[in-house]
Amino acid sequence: MSFIIIYITHASKENAQQIADHLIEKKMVACANIFPIQSAYWWKGKVENDNEWVSIVKTIPSMWDNLQKEIEHIHPYEVPCIMKIEAEANKAYEEWIFSTVNSER
């Protein structure tokens, strides 16, 4: 039984928390971790360096398509980073994720 981790970048801690709370309340994800990062990237022809925030949310594989659409709908970035990573963990943790996420969407 594997699950997926979704890595999402945000402009602020508040935005990261709002999106995480929204996804948790809708039972699309079981939980989220939020932390600051320093980002360097190409944007509109030049290199940008910014302080950003990352949220890492855990969910079930069948939620990927709906979750991606939901994040794109509510995220303020023109091109948000929404990255899926397949993961495995201890059995009890994986069972908790599957029992927490509403797969009836």
C-alpha atoms as a PDB file:
ATOM      1  CA  MET A   1       0.000   0.000   0.000  1.00  0.00           C
ATOM      2  CA  SER A   2       1.802   3.147  -1.149  1.00  0.00           C
ATOM      3  CA  PHE A   3       0.684   6.758  -0.964  1.00  0.00           C
ATOM      4  CA  ILE A   4       1.745  10.002  -2.607  1.00  0.00           C
ATOM      5  CA  ILE A   5       3.402  13.129  -1.322  1.00  0.00           C
ATOM      6  CA  ILE A   6       2.594  16.406  -3.048  1.00  0.00           C
ATOM      7  CA  TYR A   7       5.251  19.131  -2.872  1.00  0.00           C
ATOM      8  CA  ILE A   8       3.805  22.649  -3.330  1.00  0.00           C
ATOM      9  CA  THR A   9       5.595  26.016  -3.234  1.00  0.00           C
ATOM     10  CA  HIS A  10       3.974  29.200  -1.881  1.00  0.00           C
ATOM     11  CA  ALA A  11       4.791  32.902  -1.613  1.00  0.00           C
ATOM     12  CA  SER A  12       3.937  33.079   2.102  1.00  0.00           C
ATOM     13  CA  LYS A  13       3.420  30.985   5.191  1.00  0.00           C
ATOM     14  CA  GLU A  14      -0.162  32.212   5.352  1.00  0.00           C
ATOM     15  CA  ASN A  15      -0.921  31.047   1.813  1.00  0.00           C
ATOM     16  CA  ALA A  16       0.683  27.659   2.475  1.00  0.00           C
ATOM     17  CA  GLN A  17      -1.405  27.270   5.637  1.00  0.00           C
ATOM     18  CA  GLN A  18      -4.632  28.355   3.920  1.00  0.00           C
ATOM     19  CA  ILE A  19      -4.189  25.835   1.109  1.00  0.00           C
ATOM     20  CA  ALA A  20      -3.163  23.057   3.515  1.00  0.00           C
ATOM     21  CA  ASP A  21      -6.172  23.737   5.755  1.00  0.00           C
ATOM     22  CA  HIS A  22      -8.496  23.807   2.739  1.00  0.00           C
ATOM     23  CA  LEU A  23      -7.231  20.436   1.480  1.00  0.00           C
ATOM     24  CA  ILE A  24      -7.382  18.863   4.948  1.00  0.00           C
ATOM     25  CA  GLU A  25     -10.904  20.162   5.601  1.00  0.00           C
ATOM     26  CA  LYS A  26     -12.066  18.708   2.266  1.00  0.00           C
ATOM     27  CA  LYS A  27     -10.408  15.396   3.280  1.00  0.00           C
ATOM     28  CA  MET A  28      -8.336  15.455   0.104  1.00  0.00           C
ATOM     29  CA  VAL A  29      -5.145  15.023   2.133  1.00  0.00           C
ATOM     30  CA  ALA A  30      -4.428  13.462   5.505  1.00  0.00           C
ATOM     31  CA  CYS A  31      -1.890  16.020   6.709  1.00  0.00           C
ATOM     32  CA  ALA A  32       0.561  18.742   5.714  1.00  0.00           C
ATOM     33  CA  ASN A  33       4.016  19.930   6.703  1.00  0.00           C
ATOM     34  CA  ILE A  34       4.962  23.567   6.057  1.00  0.00           C
ATOM     35  CA  PHE A  35       8.448  25.069   6.121  1.00  0.00           C
ATOM     36  CA  PRO A  36      10.473  27.996   4.673  1.00  0.00           C
ATOM     37  CA  ILE A  37      12.843  27.619   1.702  1.00  0.00           C
ATOM     38  CA  GLN A  38      15.109  29.766  -0.464  1.00  0.00           C
ATOM     39  CA  SER A  39      14.292  29.389  -4.182  1.00  0.00           C
ATOM     40  CA  ALA A  40      16.232  30.253  -7.341  1.00  0.00           C
ATOM     41  CA  TYR A  41      14.494  29.874 -10.704  1.00  0.00           C
ATOM     42  CA  TRP A  42      14.045  31.279 -14.202  1.00  0.00           C
ATOM     43  CA  TRP A  43      10.975  33.481 -14.576  1.00  0.00           C
ATOM     44  CA  LYS A  44      10.120  35.704 -17.543  1.00  0.00           C
ATOM     45  CA  GLY A  45      13.653  35.753 -18.918  1.00  0.00           C
ATOM     46  CA  LYS A  46      15.664  36.262 -15.738  1.00  0.00           C
ATOM     47  CA  VAL A  47      16.860  34.428 -12.664  1.00  0.00           C
ATOM     48  CA  GLU A  48      14.811  35.108  -9.544  1.00  0.00           C
ATOM     49  CA  ASN A  49      15.820  34.450  -5.934  1.00  0.00           C
ATOM     50  CA  ASP A  50      12.987  34.422  -3.407  1.00  0.00           C
ATOM     51  CA  ASN A  51      12.041  33.344   0.046  1.00  0.00           C
ATOM     52  CA  GLU A  52       9.170  30.904  -0.333  1.00  0.00           C
ATOM     53  CA  TRP A  53       7.309  28.325   1.716  1.00  0.00           C
ATOM     54  CA  VAL A  54       6.763  24.670   0.898  1.00  0.00           C
ATOM     55  CA  SER A  55       3.912  22.459   1.910  1.00  0.00           C
ATOM     56  CA  ILE A  56       4.226  18.716   1.700  1.00  0.00           C
ATOM     57  CA  VAL A  57       0.850  17.008   1.800  1.00  0.00           C
ATOM     58  CA  LYS A  58       0.156  13.266   1.980  1.00  0.00           C
ATOM     59  CA  THR A  59      -2.708  11.570   0.202  1.00  0.00           C
ATOM     60  CA  ILE A  60      -3.787   8.472  -1.685  1.00  0.00           C
ATOM     61  CA  PRO A  61      -2.844   7.899  -5.348  1.00  0.00           C
ATOM     62  CA  SER A  62      -6.430   8.016  -6.631  1.00  0.00           C
ATOM     63  CA  MET A  63      -6.738  11.601  -5.314  1.00  0.00           C
ATOM     64  CA  TRP A  64      -3.953  12.978  -7.580  1.00  0.00           C
ATOM     65  CA  ASP A  65      -6.062  14.314 -10.473  1.00  0.00           C
ATOM     66  CA  ASN A  66      -8.669  16.010  -8.268  1.00  0.00           C
ATOM     67  CA  LEU A  67      -6.035  17.348  -5.896  1.00  0.00           C
ATOM     68  CA  GLN A  68      -3.980  18.840  -8.718  1.00  0.00           C
ATOM     69  CA  LYS A  69      -7.064  20.611 -10.132  1.00  0.00           C
ATOM     70  CA  GLU A  70      -8.107  21.881  -6.689  1.00  0.00           C
ATOM     71  CA  ILE A  71      -4.657  23.331  -5.961  1.00  0.00           C
ATOM     72  CA  GLU A  72      -4.460  24.978  -9.398  1.00  0.00           C
ATOM     73  CA  HIS A  73      -7.898  26.512  -8.771  1.00  0.00           C
ATOM     74  CA  ILE A  74      -7.037  28.071  -5.395  1.00  0.00           C
ATOM     75  CA  HIS A  75      -3.282  28.767  -5.726  1.00  0.00           C
ATOM     76  CA  PRO A  76      -2.350  32.407  -6.450  1.00  0.00           C
ATOM     77  CA  TYR A  77       0.760  31.605  -8.562  1.00  0.00           C
ATOM     78  CA  GLU A  78       0.458  31.881 -12.330  1.00  0.00           C
ATOM     79  CA  VAL A  79       2.402  28.597 -12.594  1.00  0.00           C
ATOM     80  CA  PRO A  80       2.300  26.768  -9.239  1.00  0.00           C
ATOM     81  CA  CYS A  81       4.695  23.940  -8.467  1.00  0.00           C
ATOM     82  CA  ILE A  82       2.559  20.868  -7.726  1.00  0.00           C
ATOM     83  CA  MET A  83       4.890  17.882  -7.683  1.00  0.00           C
ATOM     84  CA  LYS A  84       3.821  14.275  -7.032  1.00  0.00           C
ATOM     85  CA  ILE A  85       6.220  11.877  -5.301  1.00  0.00           C
ATOM     86  CA  GLU A  86       5.352   8.233  -4.729  1.00  0.00           C
ATOM     87  CA  ALA A  87       6.137   7.083  -1.202  1.00  0.00           C
ATOM     88  CA  GLU A  88       5.969   4.189   1.204  1.00  0.00           C
ATOM     89  CA  ALA A  89       5.969   4.250   4.995  1.00  0.00           C
ATOM     90  CA  ASN A  90       5.271   2.039   7.953  1.00  0.00           C
ATOM     91  CA  LYS A  91       2.013   0.114   7.609  1.00  0.00           C
ATOM     92  CA  ALA A  92       0.167   1.922  10.412  1.00  0.00           C
ATOM     93  CA  TYR A  93       0.967   5.343   8.919  1.00  0.00           C
ATOM     94  CA  GLU A  94      -0.133   4.300   5.438  1.00  0.00           C
ATOM     95  CA  GLU A  95      -3.378   2.860   6.834  1.00  0.00           C
ATOM     96  CA  TRP A  96      -3.995   6.149   8.658  1.00  0.00           C
ATOM     97  CA  ILE A  97      -3.569   8.132   5.406  1.00  0.00           C
ATOM     98  CA  PHE A  98      -5.964   5.840   3.520  1.00  0.00           C
ATOM     99  CA  SER A  99      -8.525   5.934   6.342  1.00  0.00           C
ATOM    100  CA  THR A 100      -8.335   9.744   6.616  1.00  0.00           C
ATOM    101  CA  VAL A 101      -8.625  10.769   2.963  1.00  0.00           C
ATOM    102  CA  ASN A 102     -12.079  10.744   1.430  1.00  0.00           C
ATOM    103  CA  SER A 103     -11.692   8.718  -1.764  1.00  0.00           C
ATOM    104  CA  GLU A 104     -15.399   9.068  -2.555  1.00  0.00           C
ATOM    105  CA  ARG A 105     -14.819  12.375  -4.429  1.00  0.00           C
END
